[in-house]
Amino acid sequence: MNPDLPAPNSPADRLSWSTPAPALIAVAVGGVAMAVATFFAADGPSRLLVGLAALGLLAMAGLGFRQRPRLAVVAGEPPRMVVRGLLRPREYVPTQIVRARIVGYRRLGRKMPMVEIDVVDDEGERLLIFGRWDLGADPTAVYEDLVGAMRLSRDKTS
């Protein structure tokens, strides 16, 4: 083993992006506050609606914690891109990445950048889309880091 290279799975050979933990904690606290408010609601329909909103917030926070880190690149030969989903993480090598690009989507009257990655695996083709909430960082910067770390050629991206 070369002493100049970092040990496998050390932080030095891994880039990762995920929803910031403080944001997920704030969502969970909001869900708990709404769950408590459910008990103080005056009538049945109010309790139902506030309870469903509390359940939705708590589920969103739980899923956000479950998917951390959402996107990671692990150094190696070849480098691997790891995408964490609800069930299990999926790994992709550069030959499985068909295209990676930045796309602007209109949201709430503003154009928001998102990272789009087309991949091919045993189950077929997939389109992976990551926004600022998923990555916890500017999607444009993540795209640049991803292209560099995965050693993707610019002709594979658009």
N, C-alpha and C. Protein backbone atom coordinates (compact mmCIF):
# COMPACT_ATOMS: atom_id res chain seq x y z
N MET A 1 0.85 -1.19 0.00
CA MET A 1 0.00 0.00 0.00
C MET A 1 0.88 1.24 0.00
N ASN A 2 0.57 2.19 -0.84
CA ASN A 2 1.34 3.41 -0.97
C ASN A 2 1.06 4.32 0.22
N PRO A 3 2.08 4.75 0.99
CA PRO A 3 1.84 5.60 2.15
C PRO A 3 1.37 7.00 1.77
N ASP A 4 1.56 7.41 0.50
CA ASP A 4 1.12 8.73 0.07
C ASP A 4 -0.39 8.79 -0.18
N LEU A 5 -1.01 7.64 -0.35
CA LEU A 5 -2.44 7.59 -0.61
C LEU A 5 -3.21 7.44 0.70
N PRO A 6 -4.40 8.01 0.80
CA PRO A 6 -5.20 7.84 2.02
C PRO A 6 -5.68 6.41 2.15
N ALA A 7 -5.94 6.00 3.38
CA ALA A 7 -6.47 4.66 3.64
C ALA A 7 -7.86 4.56 3.01
N PRO A 8 -8.25 3.35 2.54
CA PRO A 8 -9.59 3.21 1.96
C PRO A 8 -10.67 3.63 2.96
N ASN A 9 -11.70 4.26 2.44
CA ASN A 9 -12.85 4.71 3.21
C ASN A 9 -12.51 5.80 4.22
N SER A 10 -11.36 6.44 4.08
CA SER A 10 -11.06 7.57 4.95
C SER A 10 -11.74 8.80 4.37
N PRO A 11 -11.97 9.83 5.17
CA PRO A 11 -12.64 11.02 4.66
C PRO A 11 -11.90 11.68 3.51
N ALA A 12 -10.57 11.47 3.42
CA ALA A 12 -9.79 12.11 2.37
C ALA A 12 -10.09 11.56 0.98
N ASP A 13 -10.59 10.31 0.89
CA ASP A 13 -10.84 9.75 -0.43
C ASP A 13 -12.34 9.63 -0.72
N ARG A 14 -13.13 10.48 -0.07
CA ARG A 14 -14.58 10.41 -0.25
C ARG A 14 -15.18 11.82 -0.28
N LEU A 15 -15.95 12.09 -1.28
CA LEU A 15 -16.75 13.31 -1.36
C LEU A 15 -18.18 12.90 -1.08
N SER A 16 -18.91 13.67 -0.29
CA SER A 16 -20.31 13.31 -0.06
C SER A 16 -21.14 14.57 0.14
N TRP A 17 -22.40 14.44 -0.25
CA TRP A 17 -23.34 15.54 -0.13
C TRP A 17 -24.66 15.00 0.41
N SER A 18 -25.27 15.75 1.32
CA SER A 18 -26.56 15.34 1.88
C SER A 18 -27.29 16.55 2.44
N THR A 19 -28.57 16.35 2.73
CA THR A 19 -29.36 17.40 3.34
C THR A 19 -28.74 17.75 4.69
N PRO A 20 -28.57 19.04 4.99
CA PRO A 20 -27.95 19.41 6.26
C PRO A 20 -28.75 18.89 7.46
N ALA A 21 -28.05 18.32 8.43
CA ALA A 21 -28.70 17.78 9.62
C ALA A 21 -29.52 18.84 10.36
N PRO A 22 -29.06 20.10 10.51
CA PRO A 22 -29.91 21.09 11.19
C PRO A 22 -31.26 21.29 10.51
N ALA A 23 -31.30 21.22 9.19
CA ALA A 23 -32.57 21.36 8.48
C ALA A 23 -33.50 20.19 8.79
N LEU A 24 -32.94 18.99 8.82
CA LEU A 24 -33.76 17.82 9.14
C LEU A 24 -34.23 17.85 10.59
N ILE A 25 -33.38 18.33 11.48
CA ILE A 25 -33.78 18.44 12.90
C ILE A 25 -34.90 19.46 13.04
N ALA A 26 -34.82 20.58 12.31
CA ALA A 26 -35.88 21.59 12.35
C ALA A 26 -37.20 21.01 11.86
N VAL A 27 -37.16 20.20 10.81
CA VAL A 27 -38.38 19.57 10.30
C VAL A 27 -38.95 18.61 11.35
N ALA A 28 -38.08 17.84 12.01
CA ALA A 28 -38.53 16.90 13.03
C ALA A 28 -39.14 17.64 14.22
N VAL A 29 -38.51 18.74 14.64
CA VAL A 29 -39.05 19.53 15.75
C VAL A 29 -40.41 20.10 15.37
N GLY A 30 -40.55 20.56 14.14
CA GLY A 30 -41.86 21.04 13.68
C GLY A 30 -42.91 19.94 13.71
N GLY A 31 -42.52 18.74 13.33
CA GLY A 31 -43.45 17.61 13.38
C GLY A 31 -43.87 17.27 14.80
N VAL A 32 -42.93 17.32 15.73
CA VAL A 32 -43.26 17.06 17.14
C VAL A 32 -44.18 18.15 17.67
N ALA A 33 -43.89 19.41 17.33
CA ALA A 33 -44.74 20.52 17.78
C ALA A 33 -46.16 20.37 17.23
N MET A 34 -46.26 19.95 15.99
CA MET A 34 -47.61 19.75 15.42
C MET A 34 -48.30 18.55 16.06
N ALA A 35 -47.54 17.51 16.41
CA ALA A 35 -48.14 16.36 17.08
C ALA A 35 -48.70 16.77 18.44
N VAL A 36 -47.97 17.62 19.15
CA VAL A 36 -48.46 18.12 20.44
C VAL A 36 -49.70 18.99 20.22
N ALA A 37 -49.69 19.81 19.16
CA ALA A 37 -50.83 20.67 18.86
C ALA A 37 -52.08 19.87 18.53
N THR A 38 -51.88 18.64 18.06
CA THR A 38 -53.02 17.79 17.75
C THR A 38 -53.91 17.58 18.97
N PHE A 39 -53.29 17.47 20.13
CA PHE A 39 -54.05 17.22 21.36
C PHE A 39 -54.83 18.44 21.82
N PHE A 40 -54.44 19.63 21.36
CA PHE A 40 -55.12 20.85 21.76
C PHE A 40 -56.13 21.34 20.73
N ALA A 41 -56.27 20.62 19.63
CA ALA A 41 -57.24 21.00 18.60
C ALA A 41 -58.66 20.83 19.15
N ALA A 42 -59.54 21.75 18.76
CA ALA A 42 -60.88 21.79 19.34
C ALA A 42 -61.83 20.74 18.77
N ASP A 43 -61.70 20.40 17.50
CA ASP A 43 -62.66 19.49 16.90
C ASP A 43 -61.96 18.37 16.13
N GLY A 44 -62.72 17.37 15.75
CA GLY A 44 -62.18 16.19 15.09
C GLY A 44 -61.47 16.46 13.77
N PRO A 45 -62.08 17.21 12.84
CA PRO A 45 -61.40 17.47 11.58
C PRO A 45 -60.06 18.21 11.77
N SER A 46 -60.01 19.13 12.72
CA SER A 46 -58.76 19.84 12.99
C SER A 46 -57.70 18.88 13.50
N ARG A 47 -58.08 18.00 14.38
CA ARG A 47 -57.13 17.01 14.91
C ARG A 47 -56.60 16.12 13.78
N LEU A 48 -57.50 15.72 12.91
CA LEU A 48 -57.09 14.87 11.80
C LEU A 48 -56.08 15.57 10.89
N LEU A 49 -56.40 16.80 10.49
CA LEU A 49 -55.52 17.53 9.58
C LEU A 49 -54.17 17.87 10.22
N VAL A 50 -54.19 18.33 11.46
CA VAL A 50 -52.94 18.66 12.13
C VAL A 50 -52.13 17.38 12.39
N GLY A 51 -52.81 16.30 12.73
CA GLY A 51 -52.13 15.03 12.95
C GLY A 51 -51.48 14.50 11.67
N LEU A 52 -52.18 14.62 10.55
CA LEU A 52 -51.61 14.19 9.27
C LEU A 52 -50.41 15.05 8.87
N ALA A 53 -50.50 16.35 9.12
CA ALA A 53 -49.37 17.24 8.82
C ALA A 53 -48.17 16.87 9.70
N ALA A 54 -48.42 16.58 10.97
CA ALA A 54 -47.33 16.18 11.88
C ALA A 54 -46.70 14.88 11.41
N LEU A 55 -47.52 13.93 11.03
CA LEU A 55 -47.02 12.65 10.54
C LEU A 55 -46.18 12.85 9.27
N GLY A 56 -46.65 13.72 8.38
CA GLY A 56 -45.91 14.01 7.15
C GLY A 56 -44.54 14.63 7.43
N LEU A 57 -44.48 15.58 8.35
CA LEU A 57 -43.20 16.21 8.70
C LEU A 57 -42.25 15.20 9.34
N LEU A 58 -42.75 14.39 10.24
CA LEU A 58 -41.90 13.39 10.89
C LEU A 58 -41.40 12.35 9.89
N ALA A 59 -42.26 11.96 8.95
CA ALA A 59 -41.84 11.01 7.92
C ALA A 59 -40.78 11.63 7.02
N MET A 60 -40.96 12.90 6.67
CA MET A 60 -39.98 13.58 5.81
C MET A 60 -38.62 13.67 6.51
N ALA A 61 -38.61 13.98 7.79
CA ALA A 61 -37.35 14.05 8.54
C ALA A 61 -36.71 12.67 8.64
N GLY A 62 -37.52 11.65 8.91
CA GLY A 62 -36.99 10.29 9.01
C GLY A 62 -36.38 9.81 7.71
N LEU A 63 -37.06 10.08 6.61
CA LEU A 63 -36.53 9.68 5.30
C LEU A 63 -35.26 10.46 4.96
N GLY A 64 -35.22 11.72 5.34
CA GLY A 64 -34.02 12.52 5.09
C GLY A 64 -32.82 11.98 5.85
N PHE A 65 -33.02 11.57 7.09
CA PHE A 65 -31.92 10.98 7.86
C PHE A 65 -31.53 9.61 7.30
N ARG A 66 -32.51 8.86 6.83
CA ARG A 66 -32.24 7.52 6.27
C ARG A 66 -31.38 7.58 5.01
N GLN A 67 -31.52 8.65 4.24
CA GLN A 67 -30.82 8.75 2.96
C GLN A 67 -29.49 9.50 3.05
N ARG A 68 -28.98 9.73 4.25
CA ARG A 68 -27.71 10.45 4.39
C ARG A 68 -26.54 9.51 4.23
N PRO A 69 -25.46 9.84 3.54
CA PRO A 69 -25.37 10.92 2.56
C PRO A 69 -26.10 10.54 1.29
N ARG A 70 -26.73 11.50 0.68
CA ARG A 70 -27.55 11.25 -0.51
C ARG A 70 -26.71 10.89 -1.73
N LEU A 71 -25.58 11.56 -1.90
CA LEU A 71 -24.70 11.33 -3.04
C LEU A 71 -23.26 11.34 -2.54
N ALA A 72 -22.48 10.35 -2.94
CA ALA A 72 -21.08 10.30 -2.53
C ALA A 72 -20.24 9.75 -3.67
N VAL A 73 -18.98 10.15 -3.68
CA VAL A 73 -18.01 9.62 -4.63
C VAL A 73 -16.88 9.03 -3.81
N VAL A 74 -16.61 7.75 -4.03
CA VAL A 74 -15.56 7.04 -3.31
C VAL A 74 -14.39 6.84 -4.27
N ALA A 75 -13.22 7.32 -3.84
CA ALA A 75 -12.04 7.19 -4.69
C ALA A 75 -11.64 5.73 -4.80
N GLY A 76 -11.00 5.40 -5.85
CA GLY A 76 -10.54 4.04 -6.09
C GLY A 76 -10.29 3.89 -7.57
N GLU A 77 -10.06 2.67 -7.98
CA GLU A 77 -9.84 2.42 -9.39
C GLU A 77 -10.82 1.38 -9.86
N PRO A 78 -11.88 1.67 -10.50
CA PRO A 78 -12.34 3.00 -10.87
C PRO A 78 -13.06 3.67 -9.69
N PRO A 79 -13.23 5.00 -9.74
CA PRO A 79 -14.00 5.67 -8.68
C PRO A 79 -15.46 5.23 -8.77
N ARG A 80 -16.15 5.28 -7.64
CA ARG A 80 -17.55 4.85 -7.60
C ARG A 80 -18.43 6.00 -7.11
N MET A 81 -19.57 6.16 -7.76
CA MET A 81 -20.58 7.10 -7.29
C MET A 81 -21.62 6.29 -6.54
N VAL A 82 -21.89 6.69 -5.30
CA VAL A 82 -22.86 5.97 -4.46
C VAL A 82 -24.06 6.89 -4.24
N VAL A 83 -25.24 6.40 -4.61
CA VAL A 83 -26.49 7.13 -4.43
C VAL A 83 -27.32 6.38 -3.41
N ARG A 84 -27.62 7.04 -2.31
CA ARG A 84 -28.38 6.39 -1.24
C ARG A 84 -29.86 6.70 -1.43
N GLY A 85 -30.66 5.64 -1.49
CA GLY A 85 -32.10 5.77 -1.65
C GLY A 85 -32.83 5.28 -0.42
N LEU A 86 -34.13 5.06 -0.56
CA LEU A 86 -34.93 4.61 0.57
C LEU A 86 -34.59 3.18 0.99
N LEU A 87 -34.35 2.31 0.03
CA LEU A 87 -34.13 0.91 0.36
C LEU A 87 -32.67 0.56 0.56
N ARG A 88 -31.83 0.99 -0.36
CA ARG A 88 -30.41 0.62 -0.28
C ARG A 88 -29.59 1.57 -1.12
N PRO A 89 -28.29 1.63 -0.84
CA PRO A 89 -27.44 2.45 -1.70
C PRO A 89 -27.14 1.73 -3.02
N ARG A 90 -26.97 2.50 -4.06
CA ARG A 90 -26.60 1.95 -5.37
C ARG A 90 -25.27 2.56 -5.78
N GLU A 91 -24.42 1.72 -6.36
CA GLU A 91 -23.10 2.17 -6.79
C GLU A 91 -23.04 2.18 -8.31
N TYR A 92 -22.36 3.20 -8.83
CA TYR A 92 -22.18 3.33 -10.27
C TYR A 92 -20.72 3.67 -10.55
N VAL A 93 -20.15 3.05 -11.56
CA VAL A 93 -18.79 3.37 -12.02
C VAL A 93 -18.92 4.30 -13.23
N PRO A 94 -17.85 4.96 -13.63
CA PRO A 94 -17.95 5.93 -14.73
C PRO A 94 -18.54 5.36 -16.02
N THR A 95 -18.30 4.08 -16.32
CA THR A 95 -18.85 3.52 -17.56
C THR A 95 -20.37 3.39 -17.51
N GLN A 96 -20.98 3.42 -16.33
CA GLN A 96 -22.43 3.33 -16.20
C GLN A 96 -23.10 4.70 -16.27
N ILE A 97 -22.32 5.77 -16.24
CA ILE A 97 -22.88 7.11 -16.30
C ILE A 97 -22.93 7.54 -17.76
N VAL A 98 -24.14 7.67 -18.27
CA VAL A 98 -24.35 8.03 -19.66
C VAL A 98 -24.15 9.53 -19.85
N ARG A 99 -24.74 10.33 -18.94
CA ARG A 99 -24.66 11.78 -19.06
C ARG A 99 -24.88 12.41 -17.70
N ALA A 100 -24.14 13.48 -17.43
CA ALA A 100 -24.35 14.28 -16.24
C ALA A 100 -24.41 15.73 -16.69
N ARG A 101 -25.35 16.48 -16.14
CA ARG A 101 -25.49 17.87 -16.56
C ARG A 101 -26.23 18.69 -15.52
N ILE A 102 -26.15 20.00 -15.67
CA ILE A 102 -26.90 20.93 -14.84
C ILE A 102 -28.11 21.38 -15.66
N VAL A 103 -29.28 21.30 -15.05
CA VAL A 103 -30.51 21.71 -15.72
C VAL A 103 -31.22 22.70 -14.82
N GLY A 104 -31.74 23.76 -15.40
CA GLY A 104 -32.50 24.74 -14.64
C GLY A 104 -33.98 24.44 -14.70
N TYR A 105 -34.59 24.23 -13.54
CA TYR A 105 -36.03 24.00 -13.46
C TYR A 105 -36.70 25.22 -12.84
N ARG A 106 -37.86 25.57 -13.34
CA ARG A 106 -38.61 26.69 -12.77
C ARG A 106 -39.33 26.20 -11.52
N ARG A 107 -39.07 26.90 -10.40
CA ARG A 107 -39.73 26.57 -9.14
C ARG A 107 -40.05 27.88 -8.43
N LEU A 108 -41.30 28.08 -8.13
CA LEU A 108 -41.76 29.28 -7.43
C LEU A 108 -41.28 30.56 -8.11
N GLY A 109 -41.34 30.58 -9.43
CA GLY A 109 -41.00 31.75 -10.20
C GLY A 109 -39.51 31.98 -10.40
N ARG A 110 -38.69 31.10 -9.90
CA ARG A 110 -37.23 31.23 -10.08
C ARG A 110 -36.70 30.00 -10.78
N LYS A 111 -35.61 30.18 -11.47
CA LYS A 111 -34.97 29.06 -12.14
C LYS A 111 -33.95 28.46 -11.17
N MET A 112 -34.14 27.21 -10.80
CA MET A 112 -33.29 26.54 -9.82
C MET A 112 -32.42 25.51 -10.53
N PRO A 113 -31.09 25.52 -10.29
CA PRO A 113 -30.23 24.51 -10.92
C PRO A 113 -30.38 23.16 -10.21
N MET A 114 -30.36 22.11 -10.98
CA MET A 114 -30.39 20.75 -10.44
C MET A 114 -29.40 19.90 -11.23
N VAL A 115 -28.83 18.90 -10.55
CA VAL A 115 -27.92 17.98 -11.20
C VAL A 115 -28.74 16.81 -11.73
N GLU A 116 -28.63 16.56 -13.02
CA GLU A 116 -29.29 15.41 -13.65
C GLU A 116 -28.22 14.43 -14.07
N ILE A 117 -28.40 13.16 -13.68
CA ILE A 117 -27.44 12.13 -14.05
C ILE A 117 -28.21 10.96 -14.65
N ASP A 118 -27.88 10.61 -15.90
CA ASP A 118 -28.45 9.43 -16.55
C ASP A 118 -27.49 8.28 -16.32
N VAL A 119 -28.01 7.18 -15.74
CA VAL A 119 -27.16 6.01 -15.48
C VAL A 119 -27.83 4.76 -16.03
N VAL A 120 -27.02 3.74 -16.26
CA VAL A 120 -27.50 2.45 -16.72
C VAL A 120 -26.96 1.41 -15.74
N ASP A 121 -27.86 0.53 -15.25
CA ASP A 121 -27.43 -0.56 -14.37
C ASP A 121 -28.15 -1.84 -14.78
N ASP A 122 -28.07 -2.86 -13.96
CA ASP A 122 -28.68 -4.15 -14.27
C ASP A 122 -30.19 -4.05 -14.46
N GLU A 123 -30.81 -3.08 -13.79
CA GLU A 123 -32.26 -2.94 -13.86
C GLU A 123 -32.72 -2.01 -14.97
N GLY A 124 -31.80 -1.45 -15.73
CA GLY A 124 -32.16 -0.59 -16.84
C GLY A 124 -31.63 0.82 -16.66
N GLU A 125 -32.25 1.75 -17.37
CA GLU A 125 -31.83 3.14 -17.32
C GLU A 125 -32.52 3.86 -16.18
N ARG A 126 -31.82 4.83 -15.60
CA ARG A 126 -32.37 5.64 -14.52
C ARG A 126 -32.00 7.09 -14.75
N LEU A 127 -32.87 7.97 -14.33
CA LEU A 127 -32.58 9.39 -14.31
C LEU A 127 -32.55 9.83 -12.86
N LEU A 128 -31.41 10.29 -12.40
CA LEU A 128 -31.23 10.76 -11.03
C LEU A 128 -31.22 12.28 -11.04
N ILE A 129 -32.05 12.90 -10.21
CA ILE A 129 -32.12 14.36 -10.15
C ILE A 129 -31.87 14.79 -8.71
N PHE A 130 -30.91 15.70 -8.53
CA PHE A 130 -30.56 16.19 -7.21
C PHE A 130 -30.65 17.71 -7.17
N GLY A 131 -31.36 18.22 -6.19
CA GLY A 131 -31.46 19.66 -5.99
C GLY A 131 -30.68 20.08 -4.75
N ARG A 132 -30.81 21.35 -4.41
CA ARG A 132 -30.10 21.89 -3.26
C ARG A 132 -30.51 21.18 -1.97
N TRP A 133 -31.79 20.83 -1.81
CA TRP A 133 -32.24 20.15 -0.59
C TRP A 133 -31.56 18.78 -0.46
N ASP A 134 -31.44 18.04 -1.55
CA ASP A 134 -30.79 16.72 -1.52
C ASP A 134 -29.31 16.82 -1.19
N LEU A 135 -28.65 17.82 -1.77
CA LEU A 135 -27.20 17.90 -1.71
C LEU A 135 -26.67 18.76 -0.56
N GLY A 136 -27.46 19.70 -0.10
CA GLY A 136 -27.00 20.59 0.95
C GLY A 136 -25.92 21.54 0.46
N ALA A 137 -25.80 21.70 -0.84
CA ALA A 137 -24.77 22.56 -1.44
C ALA A 137 -25.29 23.03 -2.79
N ASP A 138 -24.56 23.97 -3.38
CA ASP A 138 -24.91 24.48 -4.70
C ASP A 138 -24.77 23.36 -5.73
N PRO A 139 -25.83 23.01 -6.44
CA PRO A 139 -25.74 21.93 -7.43
C PRO A 139 -24.67 22.14 -8.49
N THR A 140 -24.40 23.38 -8.86
CA THR A 140 -23.37 23.64 -9.87
C THR A 140 -21.99 23.23 -9.36
N ALA A 141 -21.69 23.56 -8.10
CA ALA A 141 -20.41 23.17 -7.50
C ALA A 141 -20.31 21.66 -7.35
N VAL A 142 -21.42 21.02 -6.97
CA VAL A 142 -21.43 19.57 -6.83
C VAL A 142 -21.17 18.91 -8.18
N TYR A 143 -21.78 19.45 -9.23
CA TYR A 143 -21.58 18.92 -10.58
C TYR A 143 -20.09 18.98 -10.96
N GLU A 144 -19.47 20.11 -10.72
CA GLU A 144 -18.05 20.26 -11.06
C GLU A 144 -17.20 19.26 -10.27
N ASP A 145 -17.46 19.10 -8.98
CA ASP A 145 -16.72 18.14 -8.16
C ASP A 145 -16.96 16.71 -8.65
N LEU A 146 -18.21 16.41 -9.00
CA LEU A 146 -18.57 15.07 -9.45
C LEU A 146 -17.88 14.72 -10.77
N VAL A 147 -17.89 15.64 -11.71
CA VAL A 147 -17.24 15.40 -13.00
C VAL A 147 -15.75 15.19 -12.81
N GLY A 148 -15.12 15.99 -11.95
CA GLY A 148 -13.70 15.84 -11.70
C GLY A 148 -13.36 14.55 -10.97
N ALA A 149 -14.13 14.22 -9.94
CA ALA A 149 -13.83 13.02 -9.14
C ALA A 149 -14.10 11.73 -9.90
N MET A 150 -15.14 11.72 -10.72
CA MET A 150 -15.47 10.52 -11.48
C MET A 150 -14.71 10.45 -12.79
N ARG A 151 -13.92 11.48 -13.08
CA ARG A 151 -13.13 11.56 -14.30
C ARG A 151 -13.99 11.40 -15.55
N LEU A 152 -15.13 12.08 -15.55
CA LEU A 152 -16.01 12.04 -16.71
C LEU A 152 -15.48 13.01 -17.75
N SER A 153 -15.51 12.60 -18.99
CA SER A 153 -15.07 13.50 -20.05
C SER A 153 -16.18 14.50 -20.32
N ARG A 154 -15.82 15.67 -20.75
CA ARG A 154 -16.79 16.73 -21.00
C ARG A 154 -17.73 16.39 -22.15
N ASP A 155 -17.33 15.46 -23.03
CA ASP A 155 -18.24 15.10 -24.11
C ASP A 155 -19.35 14.17 -23.61
N LYS A 156 -19.23 13.62 -22.40
CA LYS A 156 -20.31 12.82 -21.83
C LYS A 156 -21.31 13.70 -21.09
N THR A 157 -20.98 14.98 -20.93
CA THR A 157 -21.87 15.88 -20.21
C THR A 157 -22.39 16.95 -21.14
N SER A 158 -23.49 17.53 -20.76
CA SER A 158 -24.00 18.64 -21.58
C SER A 158 -24.66 19.65 -20.70
